[in-house]
Amino acid sequence: MARHSGNPKGPSQRQLSVGEIVRHALTQVLGRGEILDPLLERSVVTVTEVRMSPDLKLATAYVTVLGQSDTAPFIKALNNHAKFLRGRLTPALRGMKYMPEVRFREDDSFDNYARIDALLRSPEVRRDTGVDAPEDDKDGQD
């Protein structure tokens, strides 16, 4: 689920590694239910990716909320609790020189994947590529 940044080379190995450590730590904190927020207490928040800035001082966490199409209130609640979460991440990230500031964004990559999949399954694309519909699609099953 990598996204392209302004850097043409892409993220460094260090950024990717630290991002994965931060993602894992955030997932553990959110899974323990330590945030006292009624909206977040009754929902399942999944951290799908964490992108680190080149100086590793800023972590952008992309999240989805299970069963919710409108994630804006959840993103707002997570950003309101960002300082609390940053403090809870400290034990897992104690080897870092600076504790990253965490900000939350909606992960729309699944929507993009669904849109691309729908395009690839369209009759126009199948006709242009010469690929017949799979047997299970011909019967109306998926």
C-alpha atoms as a PDB file:
ATOM      1  CA  MET A   1       0.000   0.000   0.000  1.00  0.00           C
ATOM      2  CA  ALA A   2       2.871   2.306  -0.641  1.00  0.00           C
ATOM      3  CA  ARG A   3       2.090   5.784  -1.839  1.00  0.00           C
ATOM      4  CA  HIS A   4       4.415   7.936  -3.887  1.00  0.00           C
ATOM      5  CA  SER A   5       5.931  10.887  -2.101  1.00  0.00           C
ATOM      6  CA  GLY A   6       7.536  14.010  -3.512  1.00  0.00           C
ATOM      7  CA  ASN A   7      10.894  12.230  -3.419  1.00  0.00           C
ATOM      8  CA  PRO A   8      11.429  10.564  -6.821  1.00  0.00           C
ATOM      9  CA  LYS A   9      13.507   7.803  -5.233  1.00  0.00           C
ATOM     10  CA  GLY A  10      10.749   6.966  -2.752  1.00  0.00           C
ATOM     11  CA  PRO A  11      11.136   6.356   0.959  1.00  0.00           C
ATOM     12  CA  SER A  12      14.432   5.079   2.291  1.00  0.00           C
ATOM     13  CA  GLN A  13      14.798   1.672   3.879  1.00  0.00           C
ATOM     14  CA  ARG A  14      15.096   3.411   7.255  1.00  0.00           C
ATOM     15  CA  GLN A  15      11.814   5.279   6.713  1.00  0.00           C
ATOM     16  CA  LEU A  16      10.054   2.062   5.748  1.00  0.00           C
ATOM     17  CA  SER A  17      11.471   0.176   8.727  1.00  0.00           C
ATOM     18  CA  VAL A  18      10.621   2.870  11.281  1.00  0.00           C
ATOM     19  CA  GLY A  19       7.176   3.310   9.711  1.00  0.00           C
ATOM     20  CA  GLU A  20       6.447  -0.373  10.198  1.00  0.00           C
ATOM     21  CA  ILE A  21       7.623  -0.229  13.836  1.00  0.00           C
ATOM     22  CA  VAL A  22       5.378   2.791  14.478  1.00  0.00           C
ATOM     23  CA  ARG A  23       2.456   1.053  12.732  1.00  0.00           C
ATOM     24  CA  HIS A  24       2.885  -2.024  14.910  1.00  0.00           C
ATOM     25  CA  ALA A  25       3.132   0.069  18.099  1.00  0.00           C
ATOM     26  CA  LEU A  26       0.035   2.122  17.166  1.00  0.00           C
ATOM     27  CA  THR A  27      -1.910  -1.051  16.450  1.00  0.00           C
ATOM     28  CA  GLN A  28      -1.035  -2.401  19.888  1.00  0.00           C
ATOM     29  CA  VAL A  29      -2.037   0.818  21.665  1.00  0.00           C
ATOM     30  CA  LEU A  30      -5.334   1.059  19.770  1.00  0.00           C
ATOM     31  CA  GLY A  31      -6.015  -2.632  20.361  1.00  0.00           C
ATOM     32  CA  ARG A  32      -5.637  -2.262  24.123  1.00  0.00           C
ATOM     33  CA  GLY A  33      -8.422   0.350  24.187  1.00  0.00           C
ATOM     34  CA  GLU A  34      -6.410   2.889  26.173  1.00  0.00           C
ATOM     35  CA  ILE A  35      -8.106   5.885  24.556  1.00  0.00           C
ATOM     36  CA  LEU A  36     -11.089   7.045  26.577  1.00  0.00           C
ATOM     37  CA  ASP A  37     -13.258   8.289  23.744  1.00  0.00           C
ATOM     38  CA  PRO A  38     -16.781   6.906  23.252  1.00  0.00           C
ATOM     39  CA  LEU A  39     -16.474   6.998  19.465  1.00  0.00           C
ATOM     40  CA  LEU A  40     -13.162   5.121  19.398  1.00  0.00           C
ATOM     41  CA  GLU A  41     -14.067   2.696  22.193  1.00  0.00           C
ATOM     42  CA  ARG A  42     -16.872   1.123  20.164  1.00  0.00           C
ATOM     43  CA  SER A  43     -15.024   0.877  16.847  1.00  0.00           C
ATOM     44  CA  VAL A  44     -12.280  -1.202  15.299  1.00  0.00           C
ATOM     45  CA  VAL A  45      -9.556   1.069  13.921  1.00  0.00           C
ATOM     46  CA  THR A  46      -6.958  -0.499  11.641  1.00  0.00           C
ATOM     47  CA  VAL A  47      -3.640   1.199  10.898  1.00  0.00           C
ATOM     48  CA  THR A  48      -2.871   0.120   7.339  1.00  0.00           C
ATOM     49  CA  GLU A  49       0.327   2.104   6.767  1.00  0.00           C
ATOM     50  CA  VAL A  50       2.596   4.621   8.465  1.00  0.00           C
ATOM     51  CA  ARG A  51       4.725   6.940   6.338  1.00  0.00           C
ATOM     52  CA  MET A  52       7.677   8.622   7.995  1.00  0.00           C
ATOM     53  CA  SER A  53       9.136  11.971   7.005  1.00  0.00           C
ATOM     54  CA  PRO A  54      12.799  11.879   5.889  1.00  0.00           C
ATOM     55  CA  ASP A  55      13.946  13.215   9.277  1.00  0.00           C
ATOM     56  CA  LEU A  56      11.733  10.632  11.086  1.00  0.00           C
ATOM     57  CA  LYS A  57      10.093  13.384  13.158  1.00  0.00           C
ATOM     58  CA  LEU A  58       6.642  13.081  11.593  1.00  0.00           C
ATOM     59  CA  ALA A  59       4.592   9.908  11.203  1.00  0.00           C
ATOM     60  CA  THR A  60       1.485   9.944   9.024  1.00  0.00           C
ATOM     61  CA  ALA A  61      -0.737   6.994   9.918  1.00  0.00           C
ATOM     62  CA  TYR A  62      -3.301   5.877   7.354  1.00  0.00           C
ATOM     63  CA  VAL A  63      -6.271   4.234   9.028  1.00  0.00           C
ATOM     64  CA  THR A  64      -9.534   2.523   8.173  1.00  0.00           C
ATOM     65  CA  VAL A  65     -12.457   1.872  10.484  1.00  0.00           C
ATOM     66  CA  LEU A  66     -14.214  -1.458  10.182  1.00  0.00           C
ATOM     67  CA  GLY A  67     -17.794  -1.114   8.991  1.00  0.00           C
ATOM     68  CA  GLN A  68     -17.694   2.672   8.561  1.00  0.00           C
ATOM     69  CA  SER A  69     -17.951   4.486   5.260  1.00  0.00           C
ATOM     70  CA  ASP A  70     -17.528   7.949   6.821  1.00  0.00           C
ATOM     71  CA  THR A  71     -14.258   7.902   8.743  1.00  0.00           C
ATOM     72  CA  ALA A  72     -13.935  11.675   9.188  1.00  0.00           C
ATOM     73  CA  PRO A  73     -15.191  11.706  12.827  1.00  0.00           C
ATOM     74  CA  PHE A  74     -12.811   8.866  13.702  1.00  0.00           C
ATOM     75  CA  ILE A  75      -9.850  10.625  12.068  1.00  0.00           C
ATOM     76  CA  LYS A  76     -10.704  13.799  13.964  1.00  0.00           C
ATOM     77  CA  ALA A  77     -10.933  11.878  17.264  1.00  0.00           C
ATOM     78  CA  LEU A  78      -7.593  10.155  16.636  1.00  0.00           C
ATOM     79  CA  ASN A  79      -5.919  13.481  15.818  1.00  0.00           C
ATOM     80  CA  ASN A  80      -7.391  14.941  19.029  1.00  0.00           C
ATOM     81  CA  HIS A  81      -5.709  12.128  20.975  1.00  0.00           C
ATOM     82  CA  ALA A  82      -2.438  12.255  19.011  1.00  0.00           C
ATOM     83  CA  LYS A  83      -0.362  13.585  21.931  1.00  0.00           C
ATOM     84  CA  PHE A  84      -1.694  10.874  24.228  1.00  0.00           C
ATOM     85  CA  LEU A  85      -0.884   8.230  21.619  1.00  0.00           C
ATOM     86  CA  ARG A  86       2.577   9.701  21.122  1.00  0.00           C
ATOM     87  CA  GLY A  87       3.221   9.234  24.825  1.00  0.00           C
ATOM     88  CA  ARG A  88       1.996   5.638  24.689  1.00  0.00           C
ATOM     89  CA  LEU A  89       4.343   4.916  21.773  1.00  0.00           C
ATOM     90  CA  THR A  90       7.419   5.981  23.744  1.00  0.00           C
ATOM     91  CA  PRO A  91       8.241   2.548  25.262  1.00  0.00           C
ATOM     92  CA  ALA A  92       8.094   0.841  21.856  1.00  0.00           C
ATOM     93  CA  LEU A  93      10.189   3.542  20.182  1.00  0.00           C
ATOM     94  CA  ARG A  94      12.720   4.297  22.910  1.00  0.00           C
ATOM     95  CA  GLY A  95      15.612   3.551  20.563  1.00  0.00           C
ATOM     96  CA  MET A  96      14.783   6.570  18.421  1.00  0.00           C
ATOM     97  CA  LYS A  97      16.532   9.895  18.841  1.00  0.00           C
ATOM     98  CA  TYR A  98      13.257  11.841  18.476  1.00  0.00           C
ATOM     99  CA  MET A  99       9.731  10.685  19.236  1.00  0.00           C
ATOM    100  CA  PRO A 100       7.738  11.316  16.033  1.00  0.00           C
ATOM    101  CA  GLU A 101       4.654  13.484  15.979  1.00  0.00           C
ATOM    102  CA  VAL A 102       1.743  11.350  14.788  1.00  0.00           C
ATOM    103  CA  ARG A 103      -1.024  12.540  12.498  1.00  0.00           C
ATOM    104  CA  PHE A 104      -3.865  10.454  11.153  1.00  0.00           C
ATOM    105  CA  ARG A 105      -5.315  10.347   7.649  1.00  0.00           C
ATOM    106  CA  GLU A 106      -7.986   8.257   5.972  1.00  0.00           C
ATOM    107  CA  ASP A 107      -6.629   5.355   3.930  1.00  0.00           C
ATOM    108  CA  ASP A 108      -8.387   5.513   0.590  1.00  0.00           C
ATOM    109  CA  SER A 109      -6.218   2.916  -1.121  1.00  0.00           C
ATOM    110  CA  PHE A 110      -8.918   0.236  -0.799  1.00  0.00           C
ATOM    111  CA  ASP A 111     -11.357   2.507  -2.651  1.00  0.00           C
ATOM    112  CA  ASN A 112      -8.766   2.960  -5.392  1.00  0.00           C
ATOM    113  CA  TYR A 113      -8.218  -0.812  -5.604  1.00  0.00           C
ATOM    114  CA  ALA A 114     -11.972  -1.393  -5.921  1.00  0.00           C
ATOM    115  CA  ARG A 115     -12.253   1.260  -8.650  1.00  0.00           C
ATOM    116  CA  ILE A 116      -9.356  -0.264 -10.615  1.00  0.00           C
ATOM    117  CA  ASP A 117     -10.816  -3.758 -10.204  1.00  0.00           C
ATOM    118  CA  ALA A 118     -14.183  -2.556 -11.510  1.00  0.00           C
ATOM    119  CA  LEU A 119     -12.465  -0.965 -14.512  1.00  0.00           C
ATOM    120  CA  LEU A 120     -10.551  -4.146 -15.288  1.00  0.00           C
ATOM    121  CA  ARG A 121     -13.739  -6.190 -15.114  1.00  0.00           C
ATOM    122  CA  SER A 122     -15.664  -3.839 -17.417  1.00  0.00           C
ATOM    123  CA  PRO A 123     -16.790  -5.251 -20.790  1.00  0.00           C
ATOM    124  CA  GLU A 124     -14.867  -2.549 -22.682  1.00  0.00           C
ATOM    125  CA  VAL A 125     -11.544  -3.526 -21.140  1.00  0.00           C
ATOM    126  CA  ARG A 126     -12.211  -7.239 -21.582  1.00  0.00           C
ATOM    127  CA  ARG A 127     -13.041  -6.619 -25.250  1.00  0.00           C
ATOM    128  CA  ASP A 128      -9.881  -4.532 -25.781  1.00  0.00           C
ATOM    129  CA  THR A 129      -7.599  -7.054 -24.107  1.00  0.00           C
ATOM    130  CA  GLY A 130      -9.226 -10.070 -25.711  1.00  0.00           C
ATOM    131  CA  VAL A 131      -9.728 -11.739 -22.331  1.00  0.00           C
ATOM    132  CA  ASP A 132     -12.991 -13.615 -21.893  1.00  0.00           C
ATOM    133  CA  ALA A 133     -14.878 -13.402 -18.636  1.00  0.00           C
ATOM    134  CA  PRO A 134     -13.954 -16.145 -16.160  1.00  0.00           C
ATOM    135  CA  GLU A 135     -16.419 -19.010 -15.926  1.00  0.00           C
ATOM    136  CA  ASP A 136     -17.778 -17.911 -12.541  1.00  0.00           C
ATOM    137  CA  ASP A 137     -18.451 -14.363 -13.886  1.00  0.00           C
ATOM    138  CA  LYS A 138     -20.437 -15.726 -16.869  1.00  0.00           C
ATOM    139  CA  ASP A 139     -22.959 -17.290 -14.497  1.00  0.00           C
ATOM    140  CA  GLY A 140     -23.378 -14.025 -12.594  1.00  0.00           C
ATOM    141  CA  GLN A 141     -21.408 -15.332  -9.646  1.00  0.00           C
ATOM    142  CA  ASP A 142     -18.291 -13.725  -8.263  1.00  0.00           C
END
